[in-house]
Amino acid sequence: MAISLTYYSDVTDGRLQKNVSTKIANELKDFEGKRVEIKIQKLKSTRSQQQNRYYWAIAKILGDELGYTKDEMHEILKFKFLKKSKVIEATGEILEYIGSTATLSKSEFADMTTDLIRWAAESFNVVLPVPGEQLDLI
């Protein structure tokens, strides 16, 4: 069974926070004599709970207007705004796939919701509330 441990820490003067480095040192004892992989990466700031609640509220509003559930609308929105393509170098074939809202940073997520609001207004004449605007859902 593979064991994966994740720690979060600020780095100051090239060092991890003391409590984190201590935890890692203690965990390394369990890996004595084994080969390990160590990965260090900058922590990506994902969307906030407030952004998440807002997104699902406007997905429900738009879905209700267009005759879809909020989950169906979520899939449609991912297809509309997160469709990506990748070229397979060996064959030149272009493969399309749908990204995930969960992997977007806060600013990427904000940009997507701004595009979504504009698209709903221009394409369907549906005016969605902007972030921070009072919502009265019945």
Protein backbone atom coordinates (compact mmCIF):
# COMPACT_ATOMS: atom_id res chain seq x y z
CA MET A 1 0.00 0.00 0.00
CA ALA A 2 1.43 3.37 -1.04
CA ILE A 3 1.54 6.06 1.60
CA SER A 4 1.22 9.68 0.56
CA LEU A 5 1.68 12.52 3.02
CA THR A 6 0.94 16.17 2.34
CA TYR A 7 2.18 19.10 4.40
CA TYR A 8 1.64 22.82 3.97
CA SER A 9 4.14 25.40 5.17
CA ASP A 10 5.36 28.90 4.59
CA VAL A 11 9.03 29.16 3.63
CA THR A 12 11.14 31.78 5.40
CA ASP A 13 14.88 32.17 4.88
CA GLY A 14 14.89 28.91 2.92
CA ARG A 15 13.34 26.93 5.79
CA LEU A 16 9.98 25.33 6.48
CA GLN A 17 7.99 26.24 9.56
CA LYS A 18 9.50 24.49 12.59
CA ASN A 19 6.39 22.41 13.42
CA VAL A 20 6.18 21.15 9.82
CA SER A 21 9.85 20.26 9.52
CA THR A 22 9.58 18.38 12.82
CA LYS A 23 6.56 16.43 11.57
CA ILE A 24 8.34 15.54 8.33
CA ALA A 25 11.45 14.40 10.23
CA ASN A 26 9.28 12.13 12.39
CA GLU A 27 7.43 10.71 9.37
CA LEU A 28 10.70 9.95 7.56
CA LYS A 29 11.52 7.38 10.24
CA ASP A 30 8.72 5.19 8.83
CA PHE A 31 10.46 5.23 5.44
CA GLU A 32 13.88 4.15 6.70
CA GLY A 33 15.68 2.10 4.04
CA LYS A 34 13.06 2.92 1.39
CA ARG A 35 13.31 5.16 -1.67
CA VAL A 36 10.93 8.15 -1.51
CA GLU A 37 9.71 10.86 -3.87
CA ILE A 38 9.76 14.43 -2.60
CA LYS A 39 7.74 17.05 -4.43
CA ILE A 40 7.78 20.76 -3.59
CA GLN A 41 5.42 23.13 -5.35
CA LYS A 42 3.85 26.52 -4.82
CA LEU A 43 0.40 26.17 -3.30
CA LYS A 44 -2.31 27.15 -5.75
CA SER A 45 -5.05 29.34 -4.34
CA THR A 46 -8.29 27.60 -5.28
CA ARG A 47 -11.72 29.17 -5.21
CA SER A 48 -13.18 30.27 -1.92
CA GLN A 49 -16.30 28.85 -0.32
CA GLN A 50 -18.03 32.14 -1.12
CA GLN A 51 -17.10 31.79 -4.81
CA ASN A 52 -18.29 28.18 -4.74
CA ARG A 53 -21.69 29.11 -3.23
CA TYR A 54 -22.07 31.94 -5.74
CA TYR A 55 -21.24 29.68 -8.69
CA TRP A 56 -23.77 27.03 -7.70
CA ALA A 57 -26.42 29.73 -7.11
CA ILE A 58 -26.00 31.16 -10.61
CA ALA A 59 -25.80 27.66 -12.12
CA LYS A 60 -29.18 26.94 -10.49
CA ILE A 61 -30.68 30.23 -11.66
CA LEU A 62 -29.50 29.74 -15.25
CA GLY A 63 -30.47 26.06 -15.20
CA ASP A 64 -33.98 26.92 -14.00
CA GLU A 65 -34.31 29.52 -16.77
CA LEU A 66 -33.14 27.09 -19.46
CA GLY A 67 -34.81 23.91 -18.15
CA TYR A 68 -31.80 22.11 -16.66
CA THR A 69 -30.88 20.96 -13.18
CA LYS A 70 -27.96 22.76 -11.55
CA ASP A 71 -25.78 19.67 -12.11
CA GLU A 72 -26.71 19.52 -15.81
CA MET A 73 -26.02 23.26 -16.07
CA HIS A 74 -22.64 22.74 -14.40
CA GLU A 75 -21.69 20.20 -17.09
CA ILE A 76 -22.88 22.56 -19.84
CA LEU A 77 -20.88 25.44 -18.33
CA LYS A 78 -17.74 23.30 -18.11
CA PHE A 79 -18.19 22.35 -21.77
CA LYS A 80 -18.73 25.99 -22.76
CA PHE A 81 -15.93 27.59 -20.71
CA LEU A 82 -13.41 24.87 -19.89
CA LYS A 83 -13.13 22.94 -23.15
CA LYS A 84 -9.48 22.44 -24.03
CA SER A 85 -7.56 20.69 -26.73
CA LYS A 86 -4.20 19.02 -26.91
CA VAL A 87 -2.20 17.98 -29.95
CA ILE A 88 -0.71 14.50 -29.89
CA GLU A 89 2.80 15.23 -31.20
CA ALA A 90 3.35 11.77 -32.70
CA THR A 91 0.21 11.82 -34.86
CA GLY A 92 -0.84 15.47 -35.05
CA GLU A 93 -4.27 14.41 -33.82
CA ILE A 94 -6.15 16.98 -31.75
CA LEU A 95 -7.90 15.62 -28.68
CA GLU A 96 -10.49 17.70 -26.83
CA TYR A 97 -11.27 17.40 -23.16
CA ILE A 98 -13.16 19.27 -20.48
CA GLY A 99 -11.30 20.94 -17.62
CA SER A 100 -12.49 21.05 -14.04
CA THR A 101 -13.71 24.07 -12.10
CA ALA A 102 -11.99 22.59 -9.03
CA THR A 103 -8.55 23.19 -10.53
CA LEU A 104 -9.11 26.87 -11.29
CA SER A 105 -7.37 29.52 -9.20
CA LYS A 106 -9.46 32.23 -7.55
CA SER A 107 -8.74 34.68 -10.38
CA GLU A 108 -9.38 32.09 -13.12
CA PHE A 109 -12.66 31.18 -11.44
CA ALA A 110 -13.64 34.87 -11.19
CA ASP A 111 -12.85 35.35 -14.89
CA MET A 112 -14.97 32.33 -15.80
CA THR A 113 -17.97 33.57 -13.82
CA THR A 114 -17.65 37.02 -15.44
CA ASP A 115 -17.69 35.35 -18.87
CA LEU A 116 -20.64 33.21 -17.78
CA ILE A 117 -22.66 36.27 -16.72
CA ARG A 118 -21.95 38.00 -20.05
CA TRP A 119 -22.78 34.85 -22.05
CA ALA A 120 -26.10 34.32 -20.20
CA ALA A 121 -27.14 37.92 -20.86
CA GLU A 122 -26.05 38.01 -24.51
CA SER A 123 -27.20 34.52 -25.53
CA PHE A 124 -30.35 34.00 -23.46
CA ASN A 125 -31.26 37.46 -22.14
CA VAL A 126 -30.86 36.06 -18.61
CA VAL A 127 -29.51 38.59 -16.14
CA LEU A 128 -27.54 36.83 -13.41
CA PRO A 129 -26.64 38.59 -10.18
CA VAL A 130 -23.05 39.79 -9.92
CA PRO A 131 -20.93 38.67 -6.95
CA GLY A 132 -21.96 40.41 -3.75
CA GLU A 133 -25.42 41.30 -5.07
CA GLN A 134 -28.23 40.19 -2.74
CA LEU A 135 -29.87 36.96 -3.90
CA ASP A 136 -33.46 36.14 -3.05
CA LEU A 137 -33.95 32.52 -4.10
CA ILE A 138 -37.39 31.06 -3.74
